[in-house]
Amino acid sequence: MLHGSLGGVQDGKSFLHRTLEAKAALDALFKAGDLVIAMLAAAVAYLLHFGMEAISPHERSIIGLVMLYGLLCFSLSPLYRQWRSRAFLRCVGLLLLVWTGVFCLFATHALVVGSSDSVPVPWLLTWFVLGYAGLVGWRVVVRARMHVLRAKGIDRQRVVVVGLRAPVLKLHRHLKARNGSGIEIIGYFASHEDIPTPRHSDKPRKLGALDALETYLSANHHNVEQVWVSLPLSDTGEVKKLLKLLERYPVPVKLVPDIHGFSMLNPTVEQIGPVPVINLRQGLAKGNYMVAKRVEDLIVASIAVVALMPLFLVLAIGVKLSSPGPVLFRQRRHGQGGKEFWMLKFRSMKMHQESVGTIVQATRGDPRVTRFGAFLRRTSLDELPQFFNVLGGSMSVVGPRPHAVQHNNHYERLIERYMHRHYVKPGITGWAQVHGLRGETPELRSMKKRVQYDIDYIRRWSPGLDMAIIVMTVAKVLGQKSAY
């Protein structure tokens, strides 16, 4: 019997080693594949444009610089962080952002050193398209391989849960909906603090009562890769007792705290010195996401300003001819962290004096709005100067729309979590606007709905979501009649 038990433990250990080795090999293969595909795309694009002509030293230096910027962008971006559990569409959206950033950095380098005239642009464009297609295809292949491994039980983390609280039920449903996450909850051990659940509700399999945990781990610890503890934070005595028991087993232990009802926004955990800290409310969940969003803003705003410069000039002339006054209108708005900034717009109203401390929203048929201004507001063209706010860093292309300071001071007292909007930079367009919530807000419920969409956007942010909102803005918002 002892020999059989030892043999089972050794088999379990060797299985665990094989799993870890397979994960490490897949990680290394994934990164190496990206490098090889980028190089192959450059070679294929060269053949398409130059045939069998030998590569000149200048063209070799271009390849070297693009690959150098590629290594830099790919390593600094979140592309390889938690890539196994990232949804495929989010993965390819982030890839597009990073791959675009690589070529934008090279274009900037060429402009700075004065070599842009000698860069074969058609070759680079073909390289960009082929490279992105190849990198996306490579991710399809890698994910298919991951599914094969996970079908064999490799690259799956088997989890046992202690206690059945609301966060565990949410995690269970989340993981069931995303089979590719690689995490499998084997079951849970019941505690006296479990929440009541209907008999046939969707929940993990019950493995027994809490006092049966030790026996289970003694027989199966080599097949359990994590233990999640989900007990009330107030029950410190029970938590300490459980952690003492788990010291006998070399299994990673995670605490799943029940902080439901704390009005959270993108909660995460970080370590400050020797102390772990739970972030209950914050903007984008991770710093590297903020870097990715800033790169996205700079790319989109730069392209927009260059492409729309003739339109800027035409609209500026139209504003100047419509009524006396400046072309641009500046208004104080609250930005990220509640800091005030001057938001730019094309002036759409006649010059007038408002009462101190009050701002009256434009309404249908407002006599203050000029004819040309009505056209600007209806088509949202009055918002175009905000691309300069984006380049300056006070705004983002996509985000919650900034409200006037006086409106913020009014609504923050009336709408719960209203100021959560200021955990991120305000945007030229946003999740609420593409759902038709723009223009005048005569009723409080209209503003409440805007706030709900803004908070939902902050929770769900991804480069792919931003690109979708930009496309939806062009398709829907520009033709709406709700702005006056």
Foldseek 3Di string as FASTA:
>chain_A
DVVVLVVVLVVLQVQVVVLVVVVVVLLVCLVVQLLVLLVVLLVVLCCVVPNPDDDDPVNVVLSVQLSVLLVVLCVLFCLSPLVQQDDLLLNLLLVLLSLVLSVVVSCVVCVVVVNNVVDPVSSVVSSSVSSSVSSSVSVVVSLVVLVVCVVVVHLAAEEEEEAAEPVQFVVQVVCVVRVRSRYHHQAYAHDPQHDDDDPPDDHGHYPYHPVCVLVVCVRCVSVHQEYEYEDEPVPVVVVVVVVVSCVVGPHHYHYDYDPPPPPFALWDWDDDPNDIDIHRYFFANDPSQVVSQLSVLVVVLVVLCVVCVVVVVVQLVVLVVQEPDHQKDWAWWQWAPRDIDTAIFGDFFYDDDDDPLDDDFDDVPRNRGTPSSLLCQQQVVRRSVCSVVSVVPQAGQEAQATDGPSVCVVCPVPEPCQCSSNSHGHHSYYQLVLVPLDADDPDNVSVNVSSVRRSVCRRPPGSSVVVVRVVSCNVPNSNHNRHD
